[in-house]
Structure formats: C-alpha cells, structure tokens
Protein backbone atom coordinates (compact mmCIF):
# COMPACT_ATOMS: atom_id res chain seq x y z
CA MET A 1 -81.92 67.61 -204.78
CA LYS A 2 -83.86 69.35 -202.04
CA ALA A 3 -87.60 69.01 -201.55
CA LEU A 4 -89.59 72.03 -200.41
CA LEU A 5 -92.68 70.98 -198.45
CA LEU A 6 -95.36 73.66 -198.30
CA ALA A 7 -96.70 73.01 -194.80
CA GLY A 8 -98.27 76.31 -193.78
CA GLY A 9 -101.89 75.43 -194.57
CA MET A 10 -104.54 76.26 -191.99
CA GLY A 11 -106.97 73.47 -192.89
CA THR A 12 -110.03 75.68 -192.50
CA ARG A 13 -112.42 73.10 -193.95
CA LEU A 14 -111.14 70.43 -191.55
CA ARG A 15 -111.99 72.43 -188.44
CA PRO A 16 -112.38 71.78 -185.56
CA LEU A 17 -109.76 69.04 -186.08
CA THR A 18 -107.16 71.55 -187.27
CA GLU A 19 -107.66 74.19 -184.57
CA GLY A 20 -104.11 74.96 -183.44
CA LEU A 21 -102.75 72.36 -185.85
CA PRO A 22 -101.26 72.79 -189.35
CA LYS A 23 -103.32 70.83 -191.86
CA PRO A 24 -100.39 68.56 -192.91
CA MET A 25 -100.08 67.45 -189.27
CA ALA A 26 -103.55 65.87 -189.27
CA LEU A 27 -103.22 62.21 -188.34
CA VAL A 28 -103.51 59.68 -191.15
CA GLY A 29 -103.27 56.08 -190.01
CA ASN A 30 -102.04 57.18 -186.55
CA ARG A 31 -99.15 59.37 -187.71
CA PRO A 32 -99.07 62.93 -189.06
CA TRP A 33 -99.57 63.09 -192.82
CA LEU A 34 -96.41 65.20 -193.10
CA GLU A 35 -94.44 62.29 -191.66
CA HIS A 36 -95.85 59.98 -194.35
CA VAL A 37 -94.69 62.54 -196.96
CA LEU A 38 -91.20 62.65 -195.48
CA LEU A 39 -90.89 58.87 -195.36
CA HIS A 40 -92.09 58.46 -198.93
CA LEU A 41 -89.69 61.03 -200.36
CA LYS A 42 -86.83 59.52 -198.36
CA GLN A 43 -87.70 56.16 -199.91
CA GLU A 44 -87.51 57.89 -203.31
CA GLY A 45 -83.95 59.01 -202.53
CA ILE A 46 -84.45 62.54 -201.18
CA ARG A 47 -82.63 63.35 -197.95
CA ASP A 48 -82.63 67.17 -197.80
CA PHE A 49 -85.83 69.02 -196.96
CA VAL A 50 -87.01 72.57 -196.49
CA MET A 51 -90.35 73.03 -194.74
CA ALA A 52 -92.25 76.25 -195.43
CA VAL A 53 -94.19 76.92 -192.23
CA HIS A 54 -96.58 79.57 -190.96
CA HIS A 55 -99.77 78.50 -189.14
CA SER A 56 -98.92 76.86 -185.77
CA GLN A 57 -95.35 76.37 -186.99
CA ASP A 58 -94.08 75.30 -183.54
CA VAL A 59 -96.09 72.07 -183.82
CA ILE A 60 -94.10 71.07 -186.92
CA ARG A 61 -90.74 72.26 -185.64
CA HIS A 62 -91.17 70.49 -182.29
CA TYR A 63 -92.19 67.22 -183.96
CA PHE A 64 -89.56 67.06 -186.70
CA GLY A 65 -86.65 69.11 -185.36
CA ASP A 66 -83.63 68.85 -187.65
CA GLY A 67 -84.86 65.57 -189.16
CA SER A 68 -82.09 63.41 -187.66
CA ARG A 69 -84.64 61.05 -186.10
CA TRP A 70 -85.65 60.07 -189.66
CA GLY A 71 -82.14 60.14 -191.10
CA VAL A 72 -82.76 63.30 -193.13
CA SER A 73 -81.88 67.01 -192.93
CA ILE A 74 -84.63 69.60 -192.39
CA GLN A 75 -84.42 73.38 -192.62
CA TYR A 76 -87.31 75.79 -192.09
CA ALA A 77 -88.50 78.77 -194.10
CA VAL A 78 -90.80 80.76 -191.82
CA GLU A 79 -93.54 82.98 -193.23
CA GLN A 80 -94.25 85.89 -190.92
CA THR A 81 -97.47 86.58 -192.85
CA ARG A 82 -99.37 84.43 -195.32
CA LEU A 83 -97.56 84.55 -198.65
CA GLY A 84 -99.56 82.19 -200.87
CA THR A 85 -98.00 79.26 -202.73
CA ALA A 86 -95.57 81.22 -204.90
CA GLY A 87 -94.75 83.63 -202.09
CA ALA A 88 -93.85 80.73 -199.81
CA ILE A 89 -91.51 79.28 -202.45
CA LYS A 90 -89.90 82.69 -203.00
CA ASN A 91 -89.43 83.04 -199.23
CA ALA A 92 -87.56 79.71 -199.18
CA GLU A 93 -85.36 80.62 -202.18
CA PRO A 94 -82.12 81.18 -200.18
CA LEU A 95 -82.32 77.58 -198.90
CA LEU A 96 -82.91 75.96 -202.30
CA GLY A 97 -80.60 74.68 -205.02
CA ASP A 98 -80.71 75.47 -208.74
CA ARG A 99 -83.30 72.70 -209.22
CA PHE A 100 -85.70 71.53 -206.53
CA LEU A 101 -88.92 69.65 -205.86
CA VAL A 102 -91.99 71.39 -204.43
CA LEU A 103 -94.90 69.57 -202.83
CA ASN A 104 -98.13 70.89 -201.32
CA ALA A 105 -97.79 68.89 -198.13
CA ASP A 106 -101.52 68.78 -197.39
CA ILE A 107 -102.31 66.93 -200.64
CA ILE A 108 -102.50 63.15 -200.34
CA LEU A 109 -100.14 61.95 -203.05
CA ARG A 110 -98.38 58.62 -203.35
CA SER A 111 -96.54 58.42 -206.67
CA PRO A 112 -93.03 57.55 -207.89
CA ILE A 113 -90.89 60.69 -208.09
CA VAL A 114 -88.02 59.53 -210.35
CA PRO A 115 -90.09 59.42 -213.60
CA LEU A 116 -91.14 63.04 -212.99
CA LEU A 117 -87.52 64.12 -212.45
CA ASP A 118 -86.39 62.27 -215.57
CA TYR A 119 -89.11 63.90 -217.67
CA HIS A 120 -88.15 67.34 -216.40
CA GLU A 121 -84.51 66.73 -217.32
CA GLN A 122 -85.31 65.45 -220.81
CA SER A 123 -87.85 68.17 -221.67
CA GLY A 124 -85.62 71.07 -220.67
CA ALA A 125 -88.57 72.59 -218.80
CA LEU A 126 -88.33 75.56 -216.50
CA VAL A 127 -91.18 74.06 -214.47
CA THR A 128 -92.73 70.62 -214.67
CA ILE A 129 -96.11 70.25 -213.00
CA GLY A 130 -97.14 66.81 -211.82
CA LEU A 131 -100.64 66.12 -213.10
CA THR A 132 -103.38 63.73 -212.07
CA GLU A 133 -106.59 62.73 -213.83
CA VAL A 134 -109.95 63.18 -212.11
CA ASP A 135 -113.44 61.98 -212.94
CA HIS A 136 -115.05 65.39 -212.44
CA PRO A 137 -112.76 68.07 -213.89
CA SER A 138 -115.40 70.78 -213.47
CA HIS A 139 -114.35 71.06 -209.80
CA TYR A 140 -110.78 72.07 -210.66
CA GLY A 141 -108.48 74.07 -212.91
CA VAL A 142 -107.96 71.81 -215.93
CA VAL A 143 -104.77 71.65 -218.00
CA GLU A 144 -104.56 71.87 -221.79
CA GLN A 145 -101.28 70.61 -223.30
CA ASP A 146 -99.70 70.44 -226.74
CA GLU A 147 -98.30 67.25 -228.27
CA ARG A 148 -94.93 67.74 -226.52
CA GLY A 149 -96.53 68.05 -223.08
CA ARG A 150 -96.08 71.82 -222.82
CA ILE A 151 -98.97 73.42 -220.94
CA ILE A 152 -100.88 75.89 -223.10
CA ARG A 153 -103.39 77.09 -220.53
CA PHE A 154 -105.42 76.33 -217.42
CA VAL A 155 -109.20 76.31 -217.75
CA GLU A 156 -110.79 77.07 -214.39
CA LYS A 157 -113.72 74.81 -213.43
CA PRO A 158 -114.99 74.12 -216.95
CA SER A 159 -118.22 72.29 -217.64
CA LEU A 160 -117.65 68.66 -218.55
CA HIS A 161 -118.11 69.16 -222.32
CA GLU A 162 -115.82 72.22 -222.34
CA ALA A 163 -112.95 70.64 -220.40
CA PRO A 164 -109.88 70.19 -222.66
CA SER A 165 -108.80 67.18 -220.55
CA ARG A 166 -109.33 65.51 -217.19
CA ARG A 167 -105.85 66.50 -216.04
CA ILE A 168 -105.34 68.84 -213.11
CA ASN A 169 -102.46 70.18 -211.05
CA ALA A 170 -101.55 67.50 -208.47
CA GLY A 171 -99.61 69.92 -206.24
CA LEU A 172 -96.15 68.53 -207.10
CA TYR A 173 -93.58 70.49 -209.13
CA VAL A 174 -89.99 70.32 -210.31
CA MET A 175 -88.64 73.84 -210.65
CA GLU A 176 -85.52 75.62 -211.81
CA LYS A 177 -84.59 78.44 -209.45
CA LYS A 178 -84.67 80.97 -212.29
CA ALA A 179 -88.46 80.40 -212.49
CA LEU A 180 -88.70 82.40 -209.25
CA ALA A 181 -87.20 85.57 -210.75
CA SER A 182 -90.54 87.23 -211.49
CA ILE A 183 -92.10 86.50 -208.08
CA PRO A 184 -91.99 89.56 -205.80
CA ALA A 185 -90.49 88.97 -202.37
CA GLN A 186 -92.60 89.11 -199.20
CA GLN A 187 -95.88 89.44 -201.07
CA GLU A 188 -98.83 87.06 -201.21
CA VAL A 189 -98.70 85.42 -204.64
CA SER A 190 -100.55 82.36 -205.96
CA ILE A 191 -98.48 80.04 -208.11
CA GLU A 192 -101.60 78.55 -209.70
CA ARG A 193 -103.41 81.80 -210.52
CA GLU A 194 -100.47 84.16 -211.09
CA THR A 195 -97.01 82.63 -211.55
CA PHE A 196 -97.81 79.68 -213.81
CA PRO A 197 -100.10 81.69 -216.15
CA GLN A 198 -97.40 84.40 -216.45
CA LEU A 199 -94.74 81.82 -217.30
CA ILE A 200 -97.03 80.16 -219.85
CA GLU A 201 -97.85 83.49 -221.49
CA SER A 202 -94.17 84.37 -221.77
CA HIS A 203 -93.35 80.90 -223.19
CA GLY A 204 -91.28 80.17 -220.12
CA GLY A 205 -91.33 76.40 -220.55
CA VAL A 206 -94.07 75.02 -218.29
CA PHE A 207 -94.64 71.32 -218.94
CA GLY A 208 -96.98 68.77 -217.43
CA PHE A 209 -96.28 65.14 -216.53
CA LEU A 210 -99.03 62.65 -215.73
CA LEU A 211 -98.30 60.96 -212.42
CA GLY A 212 -99.37 57.48 -211.47
CA GLY A 213 -100.47 56.32 -208.06
CA TYR A 214 -102.92 57.73 -205.54
CA TRP A 215 -104.10 61.35 -205.27
CA LEU A 216 -106.68 62.98 -203.00
CA ASP A 217 -107.36 66.43 -201.63
CA MET A 218 -108.23 65.68 -197.99
CA GLY A 219 -109.54 69.19 -197.40
CA THR A 220 -112.95 68.18 -196.02
CA THR A 221 -114.07 65.75 -193.34
CA ASP A 222 -115.83 63.62 -195.98
CA ARG A 223 -112.59 63.28 -197.94
CA TYR A 224 -110.71 62.64 -194.72
CA ARG A 225 -113.08 59.74 -194.03
CA LYS A 226 -112.61 58.46 -197.61
CA LEU A 227 -108.85 58.57 -197.17
CA HIS A 228 -109.08 56.28 -194.16
CA ARG A 229 -111.43 53.89 -195.90
CA ASP A 230 -108.94 53.71 -198.77
CA LEU A 231 -106.11 53.23 -196.29
CA LEU A 232 -107.84 50.33 -194.55
CA ASP A 233 -108.79 48.82 -197.92
CA ARG A 234 -105.08 49.23 -198.88
CA LYS A 235 -105.93 51.33 -201.93
CA ILE A 236 -103.18 53.65 -200.72
CA ALA A 237 -100.14 51.74 -199.53
CA LEU A 238 -98.93 53.81 -196.60
CA THR A 239 -96.44 52.28 -194.21
CA LEU A 240 -98.19 51.43 -190.95
CA LYS A 241 -96.25 51.15 -187.70
CA GLU A 242 -98.83 48.65 -186.42
CA LYS A 243 -98.52 44.95 -187.25
CA GLU A 244 -101.22 42.98 -189.07
CA ARG A 245 -102.60 40.44 -186.60
CA GLY A 246 -105.25 38.99 -188.88
CA GLN A 247 -106.96 39.71 -192.18
CA GLY A 248 -107.56 43.45 -192.08
CA ILE A 249 -106.70 43.87 -188.39
CA TRP A 250 -103.64 45.96 -187.45
CA VAL A 251 -102.64 46.29 -183.79
CA GLY A 252 -99.81 48.31 -182.25
CA GLU A 253 -97.39 47.47 -179.47
CA HIS A 254 -98.29 47.15 -175.79
CA THR A 255 -102.03 47.19 -176.53
CA ASP A 256 -104.31 45.44 -174.04
CA VAL A 257 -107.45 43.83 -175.45
CA GLY A 258 -110.06 42.62 -172.94
CA SER A 259 -112.01 39.37 -173.02
CA GLY A 260 -114.77 38.93 -175.55
CA VAL A 261 -113.67 41.92 -177.68
CA LEU A 262 -114.80 41.59 -181.30
CA PHE A 263 -112.84 43.24 -184.09
CA VAL A 264 -114.86 43.65 -187.28
CA PRO A 265 -112.23 44.26 -189.98
CA PRO A 266 -110.81 46.40 -191.26
CA VAL A 267 -109.56 48.11 -188.11
CA LEU A 268 -106.34 49.86 -187.08
CA ILE A 269 -105.45 50.02 -183.37
CA GLY A 270 -102.48 52.08 -182.20
CA ASP A 271 -99.85 51.56 -179.51
CA ARG A 272 -100.62 51.34 -175.77
CA VAL A 273 -104.39 51.17 -176.31
CA ARG A 274 -106.68 49.56 -173.71
CA ILE A 275 -109.97 48.07 -174.87
CA GLY A 276 -112.49 46.86 -172.28
CA ASP A 277 -114.35 43.55 -172.19
CA ARG A 278 -117.02 42.73 -174.79
CA SER A 279 -116.48 45.85 -176.88
CA VAL A 280 -117.11 45.70 -180.64
CA ILE A 281 -114.62 47.65 -182.75
CA GLY A 282 -115.09 48.14 -186.50
CA PRO A 283 -115.52 48.03 -189.35
CA TYR A 284 -113.46 50.90 -190.80
CA THR A 285 -112.30 52.12 -187.42
CA VAL A 286 -108.98 53.74 -186.50
CA ILE A 287 -108.02 54.13 -182.84
CA GLY A 288 -104.95 56.22 -182.04
CA ASP A 289 -102.10 55.68 -179.59
CA ASP A 290 -102.77 55.75 -175.82
CA CYS A 291 -106.57 55.61 -176.16
CA GLU A 292 -108.76 54.00 -173.51
CA ILE A 293 -111.93 52.24 -174.63
CA GLY A 294 -114.28 51.06 -171.90
CA ALA A 295 -116.24 47.83 -171.64
CA GLN A 296 -119.13 47.13 -174.02
CA VAL A 297 -118.32 50.08 -176.26
CA ARG A 298 -119.52 49.95 -179.87
CA CYS A 299 -117.27 51.88 -182.26
CA SER A 300 -117.82 51.63 -186.01
CA GLU A 301 -116.59 53.63 -189.03
CA SER A 302 -114.91 56.13 -186.71
CA ILE A 303 -111.48 57.73 -186.38
CA LEU A 304 -110.08 58.51 -182.93
CA TRP A 305 -106.82 60.41 -182.62
CA ASP A 306 -104.43 59.71 -179.76
CA ARG A 307 -105.23 59.88 -176.01
CA CYS A 308 -109.01 59.65 -176.40
CA LYS A 309 -111.15 58.08 -173.65
CA VAL A 310 -114.49 56.42 -174.39
CA HIS A 311 -116.29 55.19 -171.29
CA ARG A 312 -118.33 52.01 -170.96
CA GLU A 313 -121.38 51.29 -173.13
CA ALA A 314 -120.88 54.35 -175.33
CA GLN A 315 -121.61 54.03 -179.06
CA LEU A 316 -119.85 55.85 -181.88
CA ASN A 317 -120.78 55.64 -185.55
CA HIS A 318 -119.18 57.68 -188.35
CA CYS A 319 -117.39 59.92 -185.82
CA ILE A 320 -114.04 61.71 -185.86
CA PHE A 321 -112.42 62.65 -182.53
CA GLY A 322 -109.39 64.90 -182.16
CA SER A 323 -106.63 64.16 -179.65
CA GLY A 324 -107.47 63.94 -175.96
CA LEU A 325 -111.26 63.90 -176.28
CA GLU A 326 -113.32 62.10 -173.63
CA LEU A 327 -116.82 60.63 -174.08
CA GLY A 328 -118.96 59.74 -171.09
CA ALA A 329 -120.55 56.38 -170.33
CA GLY A 330 -123.62 55.43 -172.33
CA HIS A 331 -123.39 58.31 -174.83
CA LEU A 332 -124.51 57.68 -178.41
CA LEU A 333 -122.91 59.74 -181.19
CA HIS A 334 -123.51 59.59 -184.94
CA GLU A 335 -121.50 61.55 -187.53
CA ALA A 336 -119.93 63.79 -184.86
CA VAL A 337 -116.67 65.62 -185.61
CA MET A 338 -115.20 66.86 -182.33
CA ASN A 339 -111.95 68.20 -180.92
CA VAL A 340 -110.62 69.66 -177.71
CA LEU A 341 -109.83 73.28 -178.45
CA PRO A 342 -107.15 75.34 -176.71
CA GLY A 343 -108.33 75.93 -173.16
CA GLY A 344 -109.79 72.43 -172.85
CA VAL A 345 -113.19 73.17 -174.39
CA ALA A 346 -114.70 70.43 -176.57
CA GLN A 347 -116.28 71.38 -179.88
C-alpha cells in the first residue's frame, strides 16, 4: 500500500518560522516533522510514498530525494496552483493504487496504522476516516456516527451541549481510488467541506475509526511550544537521534560543553553544538544542530533551530528561533518568535 502525504501546507499561522518553508518541514525535536512521519509509517510497514507538494516544494524534494536514504521509495505529485485537500489527492491519482493511505503531513499524529487498515477492510468502506477525541469539540467539525461506525454527518463547531460526540477528523484516511471519481481535476476542492459530505449524502460508505495515541494540530506557535513540552516529557514517543546522557538530558554527537555548564532538565541538545562556560540551559529547551551558545548564557523554555548563534551573557526565555539566527551579547528576550527571512533580514 502507498501512503500519500499531503505536504503542501504554507503554515501561515506559524510565520515567521515557515517563511520559505513548507509547514511539515518545521523542526520537531531537531528533525523535520515530515521525516518523523516517514519514519513512523516505515515502522508500520509502509515503504512506498507519494508526497503532494506545492509551497516551497524544492525544500522537500532536496531533503528527501527518492527516499533511498531512508530505505523507502518516494514519488512527487506537484500542484502548480493550490488545489485544496481533495484536489491534491486527485492530482496524485495516477501515482496511487486501488487502495491507499492519506495523511495531512502537518498534523502531529502518532498512532498505530494496522488497526485502521484492518477496520477499513472489514467494514467494506469506500473511505475510512481516522478520528480522535478532543476535550473542546466546539473548535472543530464534529462527527456523528451510527452504531456500525458509518458517519452520518459532520457538525461544524457546535456548542458543547449540541455536539453529537467529541470525535473529530484526525487528518488520516484510508481510501479506495473509486472515491475520487466525483472530484474534478485541477480544481481547488476541500475534502472536509465538499467531498466527504457529498459521499455521505450519496451513501457512499464513509466510516470513522477512533485512533489511539497522540494527536495535535501544531498550527500555532503556542501549540508548537506545547508539542515540544510533550516531546521532552515523553508524552509523544518520537525517535530522537540524540542520546540520553542523564535523566531528561539528551545530547547529540560531537557536542562541546564548557566548564560549569548547568543543564536543567528536560533539555535536548543537537549535534556539533558548542556551549560556553557557566551557561545555564533549560528547562524545556531544545537547541538544534551546529548552534553556538556563548559563555554565561541563560536559555530556558526556548526552541532554537539549527545554526543559531547566541553570544555571551544573553538571556532567552520562552523564545523560538528559526535556523541561522544570531543574538548579540547581553540581549534579553522574552516570548520572541524570530526567523531569518530570505535576503538575510531577521523578523
């Protein structure tokens, strides 16, 4: 079975971090989220991938290539214009088999895939939507199902007492290719607002399966921070390339830690990082590969992507830095979200 990864998202609400970067390529635990997705699905037995790309597609294609570095096969379905969720799937149709998996690649999801596939097979569904339960269903489109699991309708952002359930679309689907027949080619079409309701109305066999595991929409900087807190608390069990060197302290290879440095766990330090004398790092701090941290720096509850430089005696608290950002000596920053934009301008 092939997996179609919808990776064309622009990540508008994560700007400036996603300027010139597809949202699924945002770093999570010092590697692109899309790489975590690939590794998880490979672990679940999937080896053939199609990536639907649009915004800054060259970033994805340059990083992943044909997939051989990960022991998988990757093909690309390129959207010349934005096509929406259903339009992107329709655009990839020539590369897909009769049955395939679809995943919104910018959704943080860590769940076993095999039970979903088994349910789809047994139910005879045309489409099976992976569902997750949320505490506040009024923020989402909520699913109503019959006793067999068939989806009757979606209720968009209902009040709490009107919500038929707490189940929402998790952004993971098993689909039969014939479900794409009604989607017009090369047009922008939403699978959530158009295709699924049409299939439900025509009794096309749309079922829902409650997934286990971890789910989060990382679409805002607050949720992006929460994701990293959950990662460091090991509430989401992502594979880290760094090695645990103590309780809640992960350090990468060829990292140079100066004298008197204090790590306040949990912290994650990437490869080839240099940390100056008497700096205090943590808690809940992630430092990316090839970063340089000066002496007597204080860095807490912050996320630094790769190649950042923080000069001596600077202080960072609740900050997020994109790749290649530099902070001068003695600067104090609180709750700053910054990135180096194309042309070398910091924002």
